Amino acid sequence: MRTTLDFTPLFRSSIGFDRMLNALEAASRGEIIDSWPPYDIAKLGEDDYRITMAVAGFGQDDLILTQEQNVLMVSGQKAGEENGQYLYHGIASRAFQRRFELADHVKVVNASLVNGLLMIDLKREIPEEMKPRKIEIATSGKATRSSPKLIEAEKPAA
C-alpha cells in the first residue's frame, strides 16, 4: 500500500522552495519509471558530474540533447529501420526520451559519444555574487565615527 503525501501546507508557509516541493511531489507520485536506456550518474569532483548513457546502435545524428532552464532532455530516434527479417531481435532501437532535473547553476559543458556510450559532462558554476564572502569587522580604533548631526531648532521669535 502506497501513501500519498500532501505538500499543500508547505506551499502555504514557504517562499522560494517551489521547485523543491514540486520535485518532492513528483517523486512521491510513484509513476512508472522506464529504465531504458540504462545510465550512470557520477560525481567527479566537488562541482563536476558526468552522466553516462548506454545508447548502443544510436549514432551522433540519432541523438538530441537540449537544456532548458533546469532540465536536461536526452532523446534518441533511429533515422531508418533495417528491412531485414530477424530471427532474434535483442538490440533495442526504440525511440526514447530521458529527463534529468538539474540543480541551479548546473550547466552542460561537454557531450561525447564513444563506443556506444553517451557521456555528458556537467559543471556547477555558482555566480560570483552568490558565493560566500568574508566581511571584515572594524575594530574600535579603525572605525571612523562621524559626529552626530544636529538638527537646527527653531529660533525664538523676537
N, C-alpha and C. Protein backbone atom coordinates (compact mmCIF):
# COMPACT_ATOMS: atom_id res chain seq x y z
N MET A 1 0.84 -1.18 0.00
CA MET A 1 0.00 0.00 0.00
C MET A 1 0.89 1.24 0.00
N ARG A 2 0.59 2.14 -0.88
CA ARG A 2 1.39 3.35 -1.03
C ARG A 2 0.63 4.54 -0.44
N THR A 3 1.31 5.34 0.32
CA THR A 3 0.71 6.52 0.92
C THR A 3 1.13 7.74 0.10
N THR A 4 0.18 8.61 -0.16
CA THR A 4 0.49 9.84 -0.89
C THR A 4 0.65 10.97 0.10
N LEU A 5 1.72 11.71 -0.04
CA LEU A 5 1.98 12.84 0.85
C LEU A 5 1.38 14.11 0.25
N ASP A 6 0.81 14.93 1.11
CA ASP A 6 0.24 16.20 0.69
C ASP A 6 1.17 17.32 1.13
N PHE A 7 1.76 18.03 0.15
CA PHE A 7 2.70 19.10 0.44
C PHE A 7 2.04 20.47 0.47
N THR A 8 0.71 20.52 0.41
CA THR A 8 0.00 21.80 0.38
C THR A 8 0.33 22.69 1.57
N PRO A 9 0.39 22.18 2.81
CA PRO A 9 0.75 23.08 3.92
C PRO A 9 2.13 23.70 3.76
N LEU A 10 3.06 23.01 3.15
CA LEU A 10 4.39 23.56 2.94
C LEU A 10 4.38 24.69 1.90
N PHE A 11 3.51 24.57 0.89
CA PHE A 11 3.40 25.63 -0.10
C PHE A 11 2.90 26.93 0.54
N ARG A 12 2.04 26.81 1.56
CA ARG A 12 1.49 28.00 2.20
C ARG A 12 2.51 28.71 3.07
N SER A 13 3.47 27.99 3.61
CA SER A 13 4.37 28.60 4.59
C SER A 13 5.81 28.73 4.11
N SER A 14 6.09 28.43 2.85
CA SER A 14 7.46 28.54 2.37
C SER A 14 7.50 29.42 1.13
N ILE A 15 8.58 30.15 1.02
CA ILE A 15 8.74 31.06 -0.11
C ILE A 15 10.07 30.72 -0.78
N GLY A 16 10.02 30.51 -2.07
CA GLY A 16 11.24 30.25 -2.83
C GLY A 16 11.62 28.77 -2.90
N PHE A 17 10.81 27.89 -2.33
CA PHE A 17 11.11 26.46 -2.36
C PHE A 17 10.17 25.72 -3.32
N ASP A 18 9.53 26.45 -4.20
CA ASP A 18 8.52 25.87 -5.08
C ASP A 18 9.06 24.69 -5.88
N ARG A 19 10.24 24.86 -6.49
CA ARG A 19 10.78 23.79 -7.33
C ARG A 19 11.12 22.56 -6.52
N MET A 20 11.66 22.76 -5.31
CA MET A 20 12.00 21.61 -4.47
C MET A 20 10.72 20.85 -4.08
N LEU A 21 9.69 21.58 -3.71
CA LEU A 21 8.44 20.93 -3.32
C LEU A 21 7.78 20.25 -4.51
N ASN A 22 7.87 20.85 -5.69
CA ASN A 22 7.34 20.19 -6.89
C ASN A 22 8.09 18.91 -7.19
N ALA A 23 9.41 18.91 -7.00
CA ALA A 23 10.21 17.70 -7.23
C ALA A 23 9.83 16.61 -6.23
N LEU A 24 9.63 16.99 -4.96
CA LEU A 24 9.21 16.00 -3.97
C LEU A 24 7.83 15.45 -4.30
N GLU A 25 6.95 16.32 -4.74
CA GLU A 25 5.60 15.88 -5.09
C GLU A 25 5.63 14.92 -6.28
N ALA A 26 6.45 15.23 -7.29
CA ALA A 26 6.57 14.37 -8.46
C ALA A 26 7.17 13.02 -8.09
N ALA A 27 8.15 13.03 -7.19
CA ALA A 27 8.79 11.78 -6.77
C ALA A 27 7.82 10.92 -5.96
N SER A 28 6.93 11.54 -5.23
CA SER A 28 6.00 10.78 -4.40
C SER A 28 4.84 10.20 -5.19
N ARG A 29 4.64 10.65 -6.43
CA ARG A 29 3.54 10.14 -7.24
C ARG A 29 3.72 8.68 -7.61
N GLY A 30 4.96 8.22 -7.67
CA GLY A 30 5.21 6.81 -7.97
C GLY A 30 4.87 6.43 -9.39
N GLU A 31 5.21 7.29 -10.33
CA GLU A 31 4.95 6.98 -11.72
C GLU A 31 5.83 5.82 -12.17
N ILE A 32 5.39 5.12 -13.18
CA ILE A 32 6.16 4.01 -13.73
C ILE A 32 7.41 4.59 -14.39
N ILE A 33 8.55 4.09 -13.98
CA ILE A 33 9.81 4.61 -14.49
C ILE A 33 10.35 3.68 -15.56
N ASP A 34 10.60 4.22 -16.73
CA ASP A 34 11.19 3.45 -17.81
C ASP A 34 12.69 3.38 -17.56
N SER A 35 13.24 2.19 -17.57
CA SER A 35 14.65 2.03 -17.23
C SER A 35 15.54 1.95 -18.48
N TRP A 36 15.01 2.32 -19.64
CA TRP A 36 15.81 2.25 -20.84
C TRP A 36 15.99 3.63 -21.43
N PRO A 37 17.12 4.02 -21.88
CA PRO A 37 18.39 3.31 -21.84
C PRO A 37 19.03 3.42 -20.45
N PRO A 38 19.83 2.41 -20.08
CA PRO A 38 20.47 2.48 -18.76
C PRO A 38 21.48 3.62 -18.70
N TYR A 39 21.66 4.17 -17.51
CA TYR A 39 22.58 5.30 -17.35
C TYR A 39 23.21 5.27 -15.97
N ASP A 40 24.33 5.96 -15.84
CA ASP A 40 25.03 6.16 -14.57
C ASP A 40 25.17 7.67 -14.36
N ILE A 41 25.15 8.07 -13.10
CA ILE A 41 25.45 9.46 -12.75
C ILE A 41 26.60 9.40 -11.76
N ALA A 42 27.71 10.05 -12.11
CA ALA A 42 28.91 10.02 -11.27
C ALA A 42 29.29 11.44 -10.86
N LYS A 43 29.77 11.57 -9.65
CA LYS A 43 30.30 12.84 -9.17
C LYS A 43 31.81 12.77 -9.31
N LEU A 44 32.37 13.60 -10.18
CA LEU A 44 33.80 13.56 -10.47
C LEU A 44 34.62 14.48 -9.58
N GLY A 45 33.99 15.50 -9.07
CA GLY A 45 34.66 16.47 -8.21
C GLY A 45 33.60 17.20 -7.40
N GLU A 46 34.03 18.24 -6.71
CA GLU A 46 33.08 18.96 -5.87
C GLU A 46 31.95 19.58 -6.70
N ASP A 47 32.26 20.07 -7.89
CA ASP A 47 31.26 20.71 -8.74
C ASP A 47 31.16 20.06 -10.12
N ASP A 48 31.72 18.88 -10.31
CA ASP A 48 31.74 18.22 -11.62
C ASP A 48 30.99 16.90 -11.57
N TYR A 49 30.14 16.67 -12.58
CA TYR A 49 29.34 15.46 -12.65
C TYR A 49 29.41 14.91 -14.07
N ARG A 50 29.09 13.62 -14.22
CA ARG A 50 29.03 13.01 -15.54
C ARG A 50 27.86 12.04 -15.59
N ILE A 51 27.06 12.17 -16.64
CA ILE A 51 26.00 11.21 -16.93
C ILE A 51 26.51 10.36 -18.07
N THR A 52 26.49 9.04 -17.89
CA THR A 52 26.90 8.11 -18.94
C THR A 52 25.70 7.25 -19.30
N MET A 53 25.28 7.30 -20.57
CA MET A 53 24.13 6.53 -21.03
C MET A 53 24.58 5.51 -22.06
N ALA A 54 24.07 4.28 -21.93
CA ALA A 54 24.37 3.23 -22.89
C ALA A 54 23.36 3.32 -24.03
N VAL A 55 23.81 3.83 -25.17
CA VAL A 55 22.92 4.04 -26.32
C VAL A 55 23.45 3.26 -27.52
N ALA A 56 23.69 1.98 -27.32
CA ALA A 56 24.22 1.14 -28.39
C ALA A 56 23.30 1.17 -29.60
N GLY A 57 23.90 1.32 -30.76
CA GLY A 57 23.12 1.33 -32.00
C GLY A 57 22.70 2.72 -32.44
N PHE A 58 22.83 3.70 -31.58
CA PHE A 58 22.47 5.08 -31.93
C PHE A 58 23.73 5.83 -32.34
N GLY A 59 23.63 6.57 -33.42
CA GLY A 59 24.74 7.40 -33.87
C GLY A 59 24.57 8.82 -33.37
N GLN A 60 25.55 9.63 -33.66
CA GLN A 60 25.54 11.02 -33.22
C GLN A 60 24.35 11.77 -33.80
N ASP A 61 23.95 11.44 -35.03
CA ASP A 61 22.83 12.12 -35.67
C ASP A 61 21.48 11.65 -35.13
N ASP A 62 21.46 10.53 -34.41
CA ASP A 62 20.20 10.00 -33.88
C ASP A 62 19.87 10.55 -32.50
N LEU A 63 20.80 11.27 -31.88
CA LEU A 63 20.63 11.75 -30.51
C LEU A 63 20.48 13.26 -30.47
N ILE A 64 19.62 13.74 -29.58
CA ILE A 64 19.42 15.18 -29.41
C ILE A 64 19.50 15.49 -27.92
N LEU A 65 20.35 16.44 -27.56
CA LEU A 65 20.48 16.91 -26.18
C LEU A 65 20.03 18.36 -26.13
N THR A 66 19.14 18.67 -25.20
CA THR A 66 18.71 20.06 -25.01
C THR A 66 18.66 20.35 -23.52
N GLN A 67 19.05 21.57 -23.18
CA GLN A 67 18.95 22.03 -21.79
C GLN A 67 18.09 23.27 -21.79
N GLU A 68 17.01 23.20 -21.04
CA GLU A 68 16.12 24.35 -20.91
C GLU A 68 15.94 24.61 -19.43
N GLN A 69 16.44 25.74 -18.98
CA GLN A 69 16.47 26.12 -17.57
C GLN A 69 17.11 25.00 -16.75
N ASN A 70 16.38 24.30 -15.92
CA ASN A 70 16.97 23.29 -15.05
C ASN A 70 16.61 21.87 -15.46
N VAL A 71 16.35 21.65 -16.73
CA VAL A 71 16.01 20.33 -17.22
C VAL A 71 16.92 19.98 -18.40
N LEU A 72 17.57 18.83 -18.30
CA LEU A 72 18.36 18.30 -19.41
C LEU A 72 17.54 17.20 -20.04
N MET A 73 17.29 17.32 -21.35
CA MET A 73 16.50 16.33 -22.08
C MET A 73 17.40 15.62 -23.07
N VAL A 74 17.44 14.29 -22.98
CA VAL A 74 18.20 13.47 -23.92
C VAL A 74 17.18 12.61 -24.65
N SER A 75 17.14 12.73 -25.97
CA SER A 75 16.21 11.92 -26.74
C SER A 75 16.94 11.29 -27.91
N GLY A 76 16.45 10.14 -28.31
CA GLY A 76 17.07 9.42 -29.41
C GLY A 76 16.02 8.76 -30.27
N GLN A 77 16.26 8.79 -31.58
CA GLN A 77 15.35 8.14 -32.51
C GLN A 77 16.16 7.70 -33.72
N LYS A 78 16.03 6.45 -34.08
CA LYS A 78 16.75 5.92 -35.23
C LYS A 78 16.17 6.51 -36.49
N ALA A 79 17.05 6.86 -37.42
CA ALA A 79 16.62 7.51 -38.66
C ALA A 79 15.80 6.57 -39.53
N GLY A 80 16.26 5.37 -39.72
CA GLY A 80 15.54 4.43 -40.58
C GLY A 80 15.71 3.01 -40.07
N GLU A 81 14.69 2.24 -40.18
CA GLU A 81 14.75 0.84 -39.74
C GLU A 81 15.26 -0.04 -40.87
N GLU A 82 16.02 -1.05 -40.49
CA GLU A 82 16.51 -2.00 -41.48
C GLU A 82 15.37 -2.95 -41.84
N ASN A 83 15.35 -3.38 -43.09
CA ASN A 83 14.25 -4.20 -43.58
C ASN A 83 14.50 -5.70 -43.45
N GLY A 84 15.57 -6.08 -42.74
CA GLY A 84 15.88 -7.50 -42.63
C GLY A 84 14.88 -8.23 -41.74
N GLN A 85 14.79 -9.54 -41.94
CA GLN A 85 13.91 -10.36 -41.12
C GLN A 85 14.76 -10.91 -39.97
N TYR A 86 14.35 -10.61 -38.74
CA TYR A 86 15.12 -11.00 -37.58
C TYR A 86 14.67 -12.37 -37.09
N LEU A 87 15.63 -13.23 -36.77
CA LEU A 87 15.33 -14.46 -36.06
C LEU A 87 15.27 -14.19 -34.57
N TYR A 88 16.09 -13.25 -34.13
CA TYR A 88 16.06 -12.78 -32.75
C TYR A 88 16.46 -11.31 -32.77
N HIS A 89 15.66 -10.45 -32.15
CA HIS A 89 15.93 -9.00 -32.14
C HIS A 89 16.13 -8.57 -30.69
N GLY A 90 17.39 -8.56 -30.23
CA GLY A 90 17.69 -8.24 -28.85
C GLY A 90 18.29 -6.86 -28.62
N ILE A 91 18.71 -6.19 -29.68
CA ILE A 91 19.28 -4.86 -29.55
C ILE A 91 18.14 -3.85 -29.68
N ALA A 92 17.89 -3.17 -28.59
CA ALA A 92 16.79 -2.20 -28.59
C ALA A 92 17.16 -0.99 -29.42
N SER A 93 16.26 -0.60 -30.29
CA SER A 93 16.49 0.59 -31.09
C SER A 93 15.26 1.49 -31.08
N ARG A 94 14.48 1.35 -30.03
CA ARG A 94 13.26 2.17 -29.94
C ARG A 94 13.61 3.60 -29.55
N ALA A 95 12.73 4.49 -29.89
CA ALA A 95 12.94 5.90 -29.55
C ALA A 95 12.81 6.05 -28.04
N PHE A 96 13.54 7.02 -27.51
CA PHE A 96 13.49 7.25 -26.06
C PHE A 96 13.60 8.73 -25.79
N GLN A 97 13.19 9.08 -24.58
CA GLN A 97 13.33 10.45 -24.10
C GLN A 97 13.56 10.36 -22.60
N ARG A 98 14.69 10.90 -22.15
CA ARG A 98 15.06 10.84 -20.73
C ARG A 98 15.27 12.26 -20.23
N ARG A 99 14.64 12.58 -19.09
CA ARG A 99 14.74 13.92 -18.49
C ARG A 99 15.57 13.84 -17.22
N PHE A 100 16.43 14.82 -17.04
CA PHE A 100 17.21 14.95 -15.82
C PHE A 100 16.95 16.33 -15.24
N GLU A 101 16.51 16.38 -13.99
CA GLU A 101 16.32 17.64 -13.30
C GLU A 101 17.69 18.10 -12.79
N LEU A 102 18.08 19.30 -13.14
CA LEU A 102 19.38 19.84 -12.74
C LEU A 102 19.19 20.88 -11.65
N ALA A 103 20.14 20.94 -10.75
CA ALA A 103 20.12 21.95 -9.70
C ALA A 103 20.42 23.32 -10.31
N ASP A 104 20.20 24.36 -9.54
CA ASP A 104 20.51 25.70 -10.01
C ASP A 104 21.98 25.82 -10.35
N HIS A 105 22.27 26.52 -11.42
CA HIS A 105 23.63 26.85 -11.86
C HIS A 105 24.42 25.64 -12.37
N VAL A 106 23.75 24.52 -12.71
CA VAL A 106 24.43 23.37 -13.31
C VAL A 106 24.28 23.48 -14.82
N LYS A 107 25.40 23.44 -15.51
CA LYS A 107 25.43 23.61 -16.97
C LYS A 107 26.09 22.41 -17.62
N VAL A 108 25.66 22.08 -18.84
CA VAL A 108 26.31 21.05 -19.64
C VAL A 108 27.54 21.68 -20.27
N VAL A 109 28.70 21.07 -20.04
CA VAL A 109 29.94 21.63 -20.59
C VAL A 109 30.49 20.82 -21.75
N ASN A 110 30.08 19.53 -21.86
CA ASN A 110 30.63 18.71 -22.92
C ASN A 110 29.74 17.47 -23.09
N ALA A 111 29.66 16.96 -24.30
CA ALA A 111 28.97 15.71 -24.57
C ALA A 111 29.75 14.96 -25.65
N SER A 112 29.92 13.66 -25.44
CA SER A 112 30.64 12.86 -26.43
C SER A 112 30.02 11.47 -26.52
N LEU A 113 30.17 10.87 -27.68
CA LEU A 113 29.65 9.53 -27.94
C LEU A 113 30.82 8.64 -28.34
N VAL A 114 31.17 7.68 -27.46
CA VAL A 114 32.31 6.80 -27.70
C VAL A 114 31.90 5.37 -27.39
N ASN A 115 32.06 4.48 -28.37
CA ASN A 115 31.77 3.06 -28.20
C ASN A 115 30.37 2.78 -27.65
N GLY A 116 29.38 3.51 -28.13
CA GLY A 116 28.00 3.29 -27.70
C GLY A 116 27.65 3.91 -26.37
N LEU A 117 28.57 4.68 -25.78
CA LEU A 117 28.29 5.35 -24.51
C LEU A 117 28.25 6.86 -24.75
N LEU A 118 27.12 7.46 -24.38
CA LEU A 118 26.97 8.91 -24.45
C LEU A 118 27.39 9.47 -23.11
N MET A 119 28.43 10.30 -23.10
CA MET A 119 28.93 10.90 -21.86
C MET A 119 28.63 12.39 -21.88
N ILE A 120 27.93 12.84 -20.85
CA ILE A 120 27.54 14.24 -20.72
C ILE A 120 28.19 14.78 -19.47
N ASP A 121 29.09 15.75 -19.63
CA ASP A 121 29.79 16.36 -18.50
C ASP A 121 29.04 17.60 -18.05
N LEU A 122 28.83 17.71 -16.75
CA LEU A 122 28.10 18.82 -16.15
C LEU A 122 28.99 19.52 -15.14
N LYS A 123 28.77 20.81 -14.97
CA LYS A 123 29.55 21.57 -14.00
C LYS A 123 28.62 22.57 -13.33
N ARG A 124 28.75 22.65 -12.01
CA ARG A 124 28.00 23.66 -11.26
C ARG A 124 28.88 24.89 -11.16
N GLU A 125 28.39 26.00 -11.71
CA GLU A 125 29.13 27.26 -11.71
C GLU A 125 28.30 28.29 -10.97
N ILE A 126 28.66 28.53 -9.72
CA ILE A 126 27.93 29.48 -8.90
C ILE A 126 28.43 30.88 -9.25
N PRO A 127 27.51 31.80 -9.56
CA PRO A 127 27.93 33.17 -9.88
C PRO A 127 28.67 33.81 -8.71
N GLU A 128 29.58 34.70 -9.03
CA GLU A 128 30.44 35.32 -8.02
C GLU A 128 29.63 36.02 -6.94
N GLU A 129 28.52 36.67 -7.32
CA GLU A 129 27.73 37.39 -6.33
C GLU A 129 26.98 36.46 -5.38
N MET A 130 26.90 35.17 -5.71
CA MET A 130 26.21 34.23 -4.83
C MET A 130 27.17 33.42 -3.95
N LYS A 131 28.46 33.54 -4.21
CA LYS A 131 29.44 32.82 -3.41
C LYS A 131 29.58 33.47 -2.04
N PRO A 132 29.91 32.69 -1.02
CA PRO A 132 30.12 33.29 0.30
C PRO A 132 31.29 34.27 0.26
N ARG A 133 31.18 35.33 1.00
CA ARG A 133 32.26 36.30 1.05
C ARG A 133 32.51 36.67 2.50
N LYS A 134 33.75 37.01 2.77
CA LYS A 134 34.14 37.37 4.13
C LYS A 134 33.90 38.86 4.32
N ILE A 135 33.31 39.21 5.43
CA ILE A 135 33.04 40.60 5.75
C ILE A 135 33.91 40.97 6.93
N GLU A 136 34.73 42.01 6.75
CA GLU A 136 35.63 42.42 7.82
C GLU A 136 34.86 43.18 8.89
N ILE A 137 35.26 42.95 10.11
CA ILE A 137 34.66 43.65 11.24
C ILE A 137 35.67 44.69 11.69
N ALA A 138 35.25 45.94 11.72
CA ALA A 138 36.15 47.02 12.09
C ALA A 138 36.32 47.03 13.61
N THR A 139 37.56 47.28 14.05
CA THR A 139 37.81 47.40 15.48
C THR A 139 37.52 48.84 15.90
N SER A 140 37.47 49.07 17.21
CA SER A 140 37.12 50.41 17.69
C SER A 140 38.15 51.45 17.27
N GLY A 141 39.41 51.07 17.11
CA GLY A 141 40.44 52.01 16.70
C GLY A 141 40.33 52.38 15.23
N LYS A 142 39.88 51.44 14.40
CA LYS A 142 39.83 51.69 12.97
C LYS A 142 38.51 52.35 12.54
N ALA A 143 37.50 52.16 13.34
CA ALA A 143 36.20 52.67 12.93
C ALA A 143 36.21 54.19 12.90
N THR A 144 35.65 54.73 11.90
CA THR A 144 35.54 56.18 11.81
C THR A 144 34.13 56.55 12.22
N ARG A 145 34.07 57.19 13.32
CA ARG A 145 32.74 57.57 13.80
C ARG A 145 32.50 59.02 13.40
N SER A 146 31.39 59.23 12.84
CA SER A 146 31.06 60.61 12.48
C SER A 146 30.28 61.21 13.63
N SER A 147 30.48 62.49 13.81
CA SER A 147 29.78 63.15 14.92
C SER A 147 28.30 63.22 14.57
N PRO A 148 27.47 63.13 15.59
CA PRO A 148 26.03 63.15 15.31
C PRO A 148 25.63 64.48 14.68
N LYS A 149 24.74 64.41 13.76
CA LYS A 149 24.28 65.62 13.09
C LYS A 149 23.24 66.31 13.97
N LEU A 150 23.38 67.60 14.07
CA LEU A 150 22.44 68.38 14.85
C LEU A 150 21.35 68.92 13.95
N ILE A 151 20.18 68.83 14.47
CA ILE A 151 19.05 69.38 13.74
C ILE A 151 18.80 70.77 14.30
N GLU A 152 18.71 71.74 13.42
CA GLU A 152 18.52 73.11 13.88
C GLU A 152 17.16 73.26 14.52
N ALA A 153 17.18 73.86 15.66
CA ALA A 153 15.91 74.12 16.34
C ALA A 153 15.37 75.45 15.88
N GLU A 154 14.11 75.60 16.05
CA GLU A 154 13.52 76.88 15.69
C GLU A 154 14.06 77.97 16.61
N LYS A 155 14.38 79.10 16.04
CA LYS A 155 14.85 80.23 16.83
C LYS A 155 13.64 80.92 17.45
N PRO A 156 13.79 81.36 18.70
CA PRO A 156 12.65 82.04 19.30
C PRO A 156 12.33 83.34 18.59
N ALA A 157 11.09 83.58 18.45
CA ALA A 157 10.66 84.81 17.77
C ALA A 157 10.98 86.02 18.63
N ALA A 158 11.48 87.04 18.05
CA ALA A 158 11.88 88.23 18.82
C ALA A 158 10.78 89.20 18.98
